[in-house]
Amino acid sequence: MPKERGKSVYDCDICGKAFSANNALAIHKRIHTGLKLYHCDICGKSFSQSSKVTLHKLNLAKHKRIHTGEKRYHCDTCEKSFSQKEHLNYQMTSASQDFNINYIISIERLTHNTYNPVSINIY
């Protein structure tokens, strides 16, 4: 029975971790017991929490694109395509930096002034 509202009052009798809700403690105890009630219908892997199955399926779908060759993310700057959005984001940052560096070098060559180069950053 909770003593004070918002305080952790349900303690795990195995590791001592405290929880504010009894159902959170029950879910936590599955770590110690090894009970895995939730299963991935794609690969059969088992999990102790339903949210872990959801996350697993998202990562599995993302990983499968590597093997299928599907590249749904496209760079408008260089026309390359990527299977994962993170790779496109990295490319966009790199492409932007390469453009800025090349632009700065071009301006420096135009000014013929190596002691006081003109640099312009475009964002």
N, C-alpha and C. Protein backbone atom coordinates (compact mmCIF):
# COMPACT_ATOMS: atom_id res chain seq x y z
N MET A 1 0.84 -1.18 0.00
CA MET A 1 0.00 0.00 0.00
C MET A 1 0.89 1.25 0.00
N PRO A 2 0.66 2.18 -0.94
CA PRO A 2 1.49 3.37 -1.03
C PRO A 2 1.45 4.21 0.25
N LYS A 3 2.63 4.68 0.67
CA LYS A 3 2.72 5.53 1.85
C LYS A 3 2.50 6.99 1.46
N GLU A 4 3.23 7.48 0.45
CA GLU A 4 3.10 8.85 -0.01
C GLU A 4 2.94 8.85 -1.51
N ARG A 5 2.09 9.72 -2.01
CA ARG A 5 1.86 9.82 -3.45
C ARG A 5 3.15 10.24 -4.16
N GLY A 6 3.51 9.51 -5.24
CA GLY A 6 4.69 9.84 -6.01
C GLY A 6 5.97 9.22 -5.49
N LYS A 7 5.93 8.52 -4.39
CA LYS A 7 7.12 7.89 -3.83
C LYS A 7 7.18 6.43 -4.28
N SER A 8 8.40 5.91 -4.42
CA SER A 8 8.58 4.51 -4.76
C SER A 8 8.38 3.67 -3.51
N VAL A 9 7.38 2.81 -3.54
CA VAL A 9 7.09 2.02 -2.34
C VAL A 9 7.03 0.53 -2.60
N TYR A 10 7.16 0.12 -3.87
CA TYR A 10 7.15 -1.29 -4.20
C TYR A 10 8.58 -1.70 -4.52
N ASP A 11 9.17 -2.51 -3.66
CA ASP A 11 10.56 -2.90 -3.81
C ASP A 11 10.67 -4.32 -4.34
N CYS A 12 11.62 -4.52 -5.24
CA CYS A 12 11.91 -5.86 -5.75
C CYS A 12 12.64 -6.62 -4.65
N ASP A 13 12.11 -7.78 -4.28
CA ASP A 13 12.73 -8.56 -3.21
C ASP A 13 14.00 -9.28 -3.67
N ILE A 14 14.30 -9.20 -4.97
CA ILE A 14 15.50 -9.87 -5.49
C ILE A 14 16.68 -8.89 -5.58
N CYS A 15 16.44 -7.70 -6.16
CA CYS A 15 17.55 -6.76 -6.37
C CYS A 15 17.39 -5.45 -5.59
N GLY A 16 16.20 -5.21 -5.02
CA GLY A 16 15.99 -4.00 -4.23
C GLY A 16 15.54 -2.78 -5.01
N LYS A 17 15.42 -2.88 -6.32
CA LYS A 17 14.97 -1.74 -7.12
C LYS A 17 13.55 -1.38 -6.70
N ALA A 18 13.28 -0.05 -6.60
CA ALA A 18 11.98 0.43 -6.10
C ALA A 18 11.12 0.96 -7.24
N PHE A 19 9.82 0.77 -7.11
CA PHE A 19 8.85 1.20 -8.11
C PHE A 19 7.67 1.89 -7.42
N SER A 20 7.04 2.80 -8.14
CA SER A 20 5.90 3.51 -7.58
C SER A 20 4.58 2.80 -7.86
N ALA A 21 4.60 1.81 -8.76
CA ALA A 21 3.38 1.07 -9.10
C ALA A 21 3.66 -0.43 -9.03
N ASN A 22 2.72 -1.16 -8.52
CA ASN A 22 2.87 -2.60 -8.36
C ASN A 22 3.01 -3.31 -9.70
N ASN A 23 2.28 -2.83 -10.73
CA ASN A 23 2.37 -3.49 -12.05
C ASN A 23 3.77 -3.29 -12.66
N ALA A 24 4.41 -2.16 -12.38
CA ALA A 24 5.77 -1.94 -12.87
C ALA A 24 6.73 -2.93 -12.20
N LEU A 25 6.52 -3.19 -10.92
CA LEU A 25 7.32 -4.17 -10.20
C LEU A 25 7.12 -5.57 -10.80
N ALA A 26 5.87 -5.91 -11.12
CA ALA A 26 5.57 -7.22 -11.70
C ALA A 26 6.28 -7.40 -13.04
N ILE A 27 6.27 -6.36 -13.88
CA ILE A 27 6.96 -6.42 -15.17
C ILE A 27 8.47 -6.55 -14.95
N HIS A 28 9.00 -5.78 -13.99
CA HIS A 28 10.42 -5.83 -13.67
C HIS A 28 10.84 -7.23 -13.23
N LYS A 29 10.06 -7.90 -12.44
CA LYS A 29 10.42 -9.22 -11.90
C LYS A 29 10.61 -10.26 -13.01
N ARG A 30 10.03 -10.02 -14.19
CA ARG A 30 10.22 -10.94 -15.31
C ARG A 30 11.69 -11.01 -15.71
N ILE A 31 12.44 -9.95 -15.45
CA ILE A 31 13.88 -9.95 -15.75
C ILE A 31 14.56 -11.06 -14.94
N HIS A 32 14.17 -11.17 -13.68
CA HIS A 32 14.79 -12.15 -12.79
C HIS A 32 14.29 -13.57 -13.04
N THR A 33 13.03 -13.70 -13.37
CA THR A 33 12.45 -15.03 -13.57
C THR A 33 12.71 -15.59 -14.96
N GLY A 34 12.98 -14.68 -15.91
CA GLY A 34 13.20 -15.12 -17.29
C GLY A 34 11.90 -15.33 -18.05
N LEU A 35 10.77 -14.96 -17.46
CA LEU A 35 9.47 -15.12 -18.09
C LEU A 35 9.35 -14.16 -19.27
N LYS A 36 9.10 -14.73 -20.45
CA LYS A 36 8.97 -13.93 -21.67
C LYS A 36 7.64 -14.28 -22.34
N LEU A 37 6.65 -13.44 -22.09
CA LEU A 37 5.29 -13.70 -22.56
C LEU A 37 5.03 -13.24 -23.99
N TYR A 38 5.89 -12.39 -24.53
CA TYR A 38 5.64 -11.77 -25.83
C TYR A 38 6.63 -12.29 -26.85
N HIS A 39 6.11 -12.65 -28.04
CA HIS A 39 6.93 -13.27 -29.07
C HIS A 39 6.81 -12.52 -30.38
N CYS A 40 7.92 -12.43 -31.09
CA CYS A 40 7.93 -11.82 -32.42
C CYS A 40 7.35 -12.82 -33.41
N ASP A 41 6.33 -12.41 -34.14
CA ASP A 41 5.71 -13.32 -35.11
C ASP A 41 6.52 -13.43 -36.40
N ILE A 42 7.60 -12.66 -36.50
CA ILE A 42 8.45 -12.72 -37.69
C ILE A 42 9.59 -13.72 -37.49
N CYS A 43 10.29 -13.59 -36.36
CA CYS A 43 11.47 -14.44 -36.15
C CYS A 43 11.35 -15.38 -34.95
N GLY A 44 10.32 -15.19 -34.11
CA GLY A 44 10.10 -16.07 -32.97
C GLY A 44 10.82 -15.68 -31.69
N LYS A 45 11.62 -14.62 -31.73
CA LYS A 45 12.34 -14.21 -30.52
C LYS A 45 11.33 -13.80 -29.45
N SER A 46 11.65 -14.08 -28.18
CA SER A 46 10.74 -13.80 -27.06
C SER A 46 11.22 -12.63 -26.23
N PHE A 47 10.25 -11.92 -25.62
CA PHE A 47 10.54 -10.73 -24.82
C PHE A 47 9.68 -10.71 -23.57
N SER A 48 10.16 -10.00 -22.56
CA SER A 48 9.42 -9.90 -21.29
C SER A 48 8.40 -8.77 -21.32
N GLN A 49 8.52 -7.85 -22.28
CA GLN A 49 7.60 -6.72 -22.37
C GLN A 49 7.12 -6.55 -23.80
N SER A 50 5.86 -6.17 -23.97
CA SER A 50 5.30 -6.01 -25.32
C SER A 50 5.98 -4.86 -26.06
N SER A 51 6.39 -3.82 -25.34
CA SER A 51 7.05 -2.69 -25.99
C SER A 51 8.38 -3.10 -26.60
N LYS A 52 9.03 -4.09 -26.01
CA LYS A 52 10.30 -4.58 -26.54
C LYS A 52 10.09 -5.33 -27.85
N VAL A 53 8.96 -6.00 -28.01
CA VAL A 53 8.64 -6.68 -29.27
C VAL A 53 8.43 -5.64 -30.36
N THR A 54 7.71 -4.58 -30.04
CA THR A 54 7.45 -3.51 -31.01
C THR A 54 8.76 -2.90 -31.50
N LEU A 55 9.64 -2.57 -30.58
CA LEU A 55 10.94 -1.99 -30.93
C LEU A 55 11.76 -2.98 -31.77
N HIS A 56 11.73 -4.23 -31.39
CA HIS A 56 12.45 -5.28 -32.13
C HIS A 56 11.95 -5.35 -33.57
N LYS A 57 10.64 -5.31 -33.77
CA LYS A 57 10.08 -5.40 -35.12
C LYS A 57 10.48 -4.20 -35.97
N LEU A 58 10.53 -3.02 -35.37
CA LEU A 58 10.96 -1.83 -36.11
C LEU A 58 12.42 -1.99 -36.56
N ASN A 59 13.27 -2.43 -35.65
CA ASN A 59 14.67 -2.62 -35.99
C ASN A 59 14.86 -3.74 -37.00
N LEU A 60 14.05 -4.78 -36.89
CA LEU A 60 14.13 -5.90 -37.83
C LEU A 60 13.74 -5.46 -39.23
N ALA A 61 12.69 -4.65 -39.33
CA ALA A 61 12.24 -4.15 -40.63
C ALA A 61 13.32 -3.27 -41.25
N LYS A 62 13.94 -2.45 -40.44
CA LYS A 62 15.02 -1.57 -40.91
C LYS A 62 16.21 -2.41 -41.38
N HIS A 63 16.54 -3.45 -40.62
CA HIS A 63 17.67 -4.31 -40.97
C HIS A 63 17.40 -5.09 -42.27
N LYS A 64 16.17 -5.53 -42.46
CA LYS A 64 15.84 -6.32 -43.65
C LYS A 64 16.08 -5.53 -44.94
N ARG A 65 15.94 -4.20 -44.88
CA ARG A 65 16.17 -3.38 -46.08
C ARG A 65 17.61 -3.50 -46.58
N ILE A 66 18.54 -3.79 -45.68
CA ILE A 66 19.93 -3.98 -46.09
C ILE A 66 20.03 -5.18 -47.02
N HIS A 67 19.31 -6.26 -46.70
CA HIS A 67 19.38 -7.49 -47.49
C HIS A 67 18.55 -7.43 -48.76
N THR A 68 17.44 -6.69 -48.73
CA THR A 68 16.58 -6.60 -49.91
C THR A 68 17.07 -5.56 -50.91
N GLY A 69 17.91 -4.64 -50.44
CA GLY A 69 18.41 -3.58 -51.32
C GLY A 69 17.47 -2.40 -51.43
N GLU A 70 16.39 -2.42 -50.67
CA GLU A 70 15.44 -1.30 -50.71
C GLU A 70 16.10 -0.05 -50.13
N LYS A 71 16.02 1.03 -50.90
CA LYS A 71 16.61 2.31 -50.47
C LYS A 71 15.54 3.39 -50.62
N ARG A 72 14.80 3.61 -49.54
CA ARG A 72 13.66 4.52 -49.60
C ARG A 72 14.00 5.97 -49.27
N TYR A 73 15.24 6.23 -48.86
CA TYR A 73 15.63 7.60 -48.50
C TYR A 73 16.61 8.15 -49.53
N HIS A 74 16.27 9.29 -50.14
CA HIS A 74 17.04 9.84 -51.26
C HIS A 74 17.59 11.23 -50.92
N CYS A 75 18.84 11.45 -51.30
CA CYS A 75 19.50 12.75 -51.09
C CYS A 75 19.21 13.63 -52.30
N ASP A 76 18.65 14.79 -52.07
CA ASP A 76 18.34 15.73 -53.15
C ASP A 76 19.59 16.42 -53.68
N THR A 77 20.64 16.45 -52.88
CA THR A 77 21.86 17.14 -53.28
C THR A 77 22.70 16.31 -54.23
N CYS A 78 22.92 15.05 -53.89
CA CYS A 78 23.84 14.22 -54.69
C CYS A 78 23.14 13.06 -55.40
N GLU A 79 21.87 12.88 -55.18
CA GLU A 79 21.07 11.83 -55.81
C GLU A 79 21.41 10.41 -55.35
N LYS A 80 22.12 10.27 -54.23
CA LYS A 80 22.37 8.94 -53.66
C LYS A 80 21.13 8.50 -52.90
N SER A 81 20.99 7.19 -52.73
CA SER A 81 19.87 6.62 -51.99
C SER A 81 20.39 5.76 -50.86
N PHE A 82 19.58 5.66 -49.78
CA PHE A 82 20.00 4.95 -48.58
C PHE A 82 18.87 4.10 -48.03
N SER A 83 19.23 3.01 -47.36
CA SER A 83 18.23 2.11 -46.78
C SER A 83 17.77 2.60 -45.41
N GLN A 84 18.57 3.45 -44.75
CA GLN A 84 18.23 3.93 -43.42
C GLN A 84 18.28 5.46 -43.38
N LYS A 85 17.33 6.05 -42.69
CA LYS A 85 17.23 7.50 -42.62
C LYS A 85 18.46 8.12 -41.96
N GLU A 86 19.04 7.42 -40.98
CA GLU A 86 20.23 7.93 -40.30
C GLU A 86 21.37 8.12 -41.28
N HIS A 87 21.48 7.22 -42.25
CA HIS A 87 22.54 7.32 -43.24
C HIS A 87 22.31 8.51 -44.16
N LEU A 88 21.06 8.76 -44.52
CA LEU A 88 20.74 9.94 -45.32
C LEU A 88 21.07 11.21 -44.54
N ASN A 89 20.69 11.27 -43.27
CA ASN A 89 20.98 12.45 -42.46
C ASN A 89 22.47 12.73 -42.39
N TYR A 90 23.26 11.67 -42.23
CA TYR A 90 24.72 11.84 -42.20
C TYR A 90 25.22 12.35 -43.55
N GLN A 91 24.69 11.78 -44.62
CA GLN A 91 25.08 12.20 -45.96
C GLN A 91 24.73 13.66 -46.21
N MET A 92 23.54 14.06 -45.77
CA MET A 92 23.12 15.45 -45.97
C MET A 92 24.07 16.40 -45.25
N THR A 93 24.50 16.03 -44.06
CA THR A 93 25.44 16.85 -43.31
C THR A 93 26.79 16.88 -44.03
N SER A 94 27.25 15.73 -44.48
CA SER A 94 28.54 15.64 -45.17
C SER A 94 28.50 16.39 -46.50
N ALA A 95 27.43 16.22 -47.25
CA ALA A 95 27.30 16.89 -48.55
C ALA A 95 27.29 18.39 -48.36
N SER A 96 26.60 18.85 -47.32
CA SER A 96 26.54 20.29 -47.04
C SER A 96 27.92 20.81 -46.67
N GLN A 97 28.64 20.06 -45.84
CA GLN A 97 29.98 20.49 -45.44
C GLN A 97 30.92 20.49 -46.63
N ASP A 98 30.85 19.47 -47.49
CA ASP A 98 31.70 19.42 -48.68
C ASP A 98 31.42 20.61 -49.58
N PHE A 99 30.15 20.96 -49.73
CA PHE A 99 29.79 22.10 -50.56
C PHE A 99 30.39 23.37 -49.98
N ASN A 100 30.26 23.57 -48.67
CA ASN A 100 30.80 24.77 -48.03
C ASN A 100 32.31 24.85 -48.18
N ILE A 101 33.00 23.73 -47.99
CA ILE A 101 34.46 23.73 -48.10
C ILE A 101 34.88 24.05 -49.54
N ASN A 102 34.23 23.42 -50.51
CA ASN A 102 34.55 23.69 -51.91
C ASN A 102 34.26 25.13 -52.28
N TYR A 103 33.19 25.68 -51.74
CA TYR A 103 32.83 27.07 -52.02
C TYR A 103 33.87 28.02 -51.43
N ILE A 104 34.32 27.72 -50.22
CA ILE A 104 35.33 28.55 -49.56
C ILE A 104 36.64 28.50 -50.35
N ILE A 105 37.04 27.32 -50.79
CA ILE A 105 38.27 27.18 -51.58
C ILE A 105 38.15 27.97 -52.87
N SER A 106 37.00 27.92 -53.53
CA SER A 106 36.80 28.67 -54.76
C SER A 106 36.92 30.17 -54.52
N ILE A 107 36.33 30.66 -53.46
CA ILE A 107 36.41 32.09 -53.13
C ILE A 107 37.86 32.49 -52.84
N GLU A 108 38.59 31.62 -52.11
CA GLU A 108 39.98 31.91 -51.80
C GLU A 108 40.82 32.00 -53.08
N ARG A 109 40.56 31.11 -54.01
CA ARG A 109 41.30 31.15 -55.28
C ARG A 109 40.97 32.42 -56.06
N LEU A 110 39.73 32.84 -56.02
CA LEU A 110 39.34 34.05 -56.74
C LEU A 110 40.00 35.30 -56.16
N THR A 111 40.18 35.33 -54.86
CA THR A 111 40.76 36.53 -54.23
C THR A 111 42.28 36.55 -54.35
N HIS A 112 42.91 35.40 -54.61
CA HIS A 112 44.37 35.29 -54.71
C HIS A 112 45.06 35.87 -53.49
N ASN A 113 44.41 35.78 -52.35
CA ASN A 113 44.98 36.33 -51.13
C ASN A 113 45.10 35.20 -50.12
N THR A 114 46.27 34.63 -49.99
CA THR A 114 46.46 33.51 -49.08
C THR A 114 46.60 33.96 -47.64
N TYR A 115 46.88 35.24 -47.40
CA TYR A 115 47.05 35.72 -46.04
C TYR A 115 45.73 36.09 -45.38
N ASN A 116 44.78 36.49 -46.18
CA ASN A 116 43.48 36.90 -45.64
C ASN A 116 42.38 36.29 -46.50
N PRO A 117 42.20 34.96 -46.39
CA PRO A 117 41.20 34.31 -47.25
C PRO A 117 39.78 34.72 -46.89
N VAL A 118 38.98 34.83 -47.92
CA VAL A 118 37.57 35.15 -47.75
C VAL A 118 36.84 33.82 -47.61
N SER A 119 36.04 33.68 -46.58
CA SER A 119 35.25 32.45 -46.45
C SER A 119 33.81 32.82 -46.15
N ILE A 120 32.95 32.10 -46.79
CA ILE A 120 31.51 32.33 -46.62
C ILE A 120 30.88 30.99 -46.28
N ASN A 121 30.17 30.95 -45.19
CA ASN A 121 29.46 29.73 -44.82
C ASN A 121 28.01 29.86 -45.26
N ILE A 122 27.55 28.87 -45.95
CA ILE A 122 26.15 28.84 -46.39
C ILE A 122 25.45 27.75 -45.62
N TYR A 123 24.38 28.09 -44.97
CA TYR A 123 23.63 27.10 -44.17
C TYR A 123 22.25 26.98 -44.70
